[in-house]
Protein backbone atom coordinates (compact mmCIF):
# COMPACT_ATOMS: atom_id res chain seq x y z
CA MET A 1 42.64 170.03 199.80
CA LYS A 2 41.02 171.22 202.67
CA VAL A 3 43.07 169.93 206.15
CA VAL A 4 40.33 169.61 208.94
CA LEU A 5 42.47 169.13 212.56
CA ASN A 6 40.33 167.83 215.42
CA PRO A 7 41.38 168.72 218.59
CA LYS A 8 40.42 165.06 220.16
CA HIS A 9 43.21 163.35 217.43
CA PHE A 10 45.77 164.85 219.44
CA HIS A 11 47.72 163.31 222.50
CA ILE A 12 50.87 163.44 224.73
CA ARG A 13 52.60 160.10 224.84
CA ALA A 14 56.03 159.11 226.70
CA LYS A 15 58.46 157.20 224.11
CA ALA A 16 59.24 153.84 226.70
CA ASP A 17 62.96 153.40 225.09
CA ASP A 18 63.99 157.13 226.10
CA GLY A 19 61.45 158.59 228.30
CA THR A 20 60.70 161.63 226.04
CA ILE A 21 57.43 163.05 225.86
CA TRP A 22 55.56 163.63 222.50
CA LEU A 23 52.47 165.53 220.99
CA THR A 24 51.00 162.84 218.81
CA HIS A 25 47.80 163.13 215.85
CA GLU A 26 46.08 159.78 216.61
CA LYS A 27 43.17 159.08 214.29
CA HIS A 28 40.94 156.15 214.75
CA LEU A 29 42.59 152.85 212.91
CA GLU A 30 45.36 154.81 211.46
CA PRO A 31 49.05 154.66 212.51
CA ILE A 32 49.94 157.30 215.62
CA ARG A 33 52.00 160.12 214.23
CA PRO A 34 54.37 161.96 216.66
CA ILE A 35 54.25 165.63 216.01
CA LYS A 36 56.90 167.26 218.51
CA ASP A 37 59.11 166.22 221.32
CA VAL A 38 57.78 168.43 223.85
CA THR A 39 60.01 167.24 227.01
CA ASN A 40 62.09 170.38 227.17
CA ASP A 41 58.66 172.26 227.04
CA VAL A 42 57.42 170.09 230.07
CA LEU A 43 60.50 170.18 232.15
CA LEU A 44 60.71 173.98 231.66
CA CYS A 45 56.69 174.90 232.68
CA LEU A 46 58.05 172.71 236.06
CA CYS A 47 60.72 174.77 236.59
CA ALA A 48 59.09 177.87 236.19
CA ASP A 49 56.69 176.83 239.18
CA LEU A 50 60.13 176.22 241.01
CA SER A 51 61.68 179.85 240.35
CA ALA A 52 58.27 181.48 240.85
CA GLY A 53 57.75 181.56 244.47
CA GLY A 54 61.76 181.00 245.69
CA GLU A 55 60.64 179.10 248.45
CA THR A 56 59.77 175.74 246.89
CA LYS A 57 62.60 172.89 246.11
CA MET A 58 60.65 169.88 244.96
CA VAL A 59 57.29 170.19 242.47
CA GLU A 60 55.68 166.90 241.98
CA ARG A 61 53.03 166.73 239.40
CA SER A 62 50.92 163.38 239.06
CA VAL A 63 48.53 162.48 235.51
CA LYS A 64 45.90 160.00 235.81
CA PHE A 65 45.07 158.62 232.38
CA SER A 66 41.83 157.16 231.15
CA ASP A 67 43.17 153.25 231.42
CA GLY A 68 44.06 153.98 235.07
CA PHE A 69 47.95 154.30 234.71
CA THR A 70 49.14 156.88 237.07
CA CYS A 71 52.54 158.98 236.68
CA LYS A 72 54.31 161.04 238.83
CA ILE A 73 56.65 163.27 237.40
CA THR A 74 58.85 165.46 240.14
CA VAL A 75 61.12 168.13 239.14
CA GLU A 76 63.91 169.02 242.17
CA ILE A 77 66.45 171.73 243.08
CA VAL A 78 69.91 169.79 243.13
CA GLY A 79 72.17 172.97 243.01
CA ASP A 80 71.56 176.80 243.26
CA ALA A 81 73.12 178.96 240.82
CA GLU A 82 76.27 180.89 242.48
């Protein structure tokens, strides 16, 4: 059996009940299938932005979705390593 993966079928969604961020596979007229919880991957990338320069204490990223919904993610240093 040949499996064809179309990149247009993959999306990023947030679960409303717990706030986790998921990679999903979504085909027309088929149920949405969660593939992988990418919450830690996203947070690690944002934290890497903070540690890269050494001077920045907060990083904000905004995302605007096709339906007009806008979301802002903020990562802030709350305690320095001792």
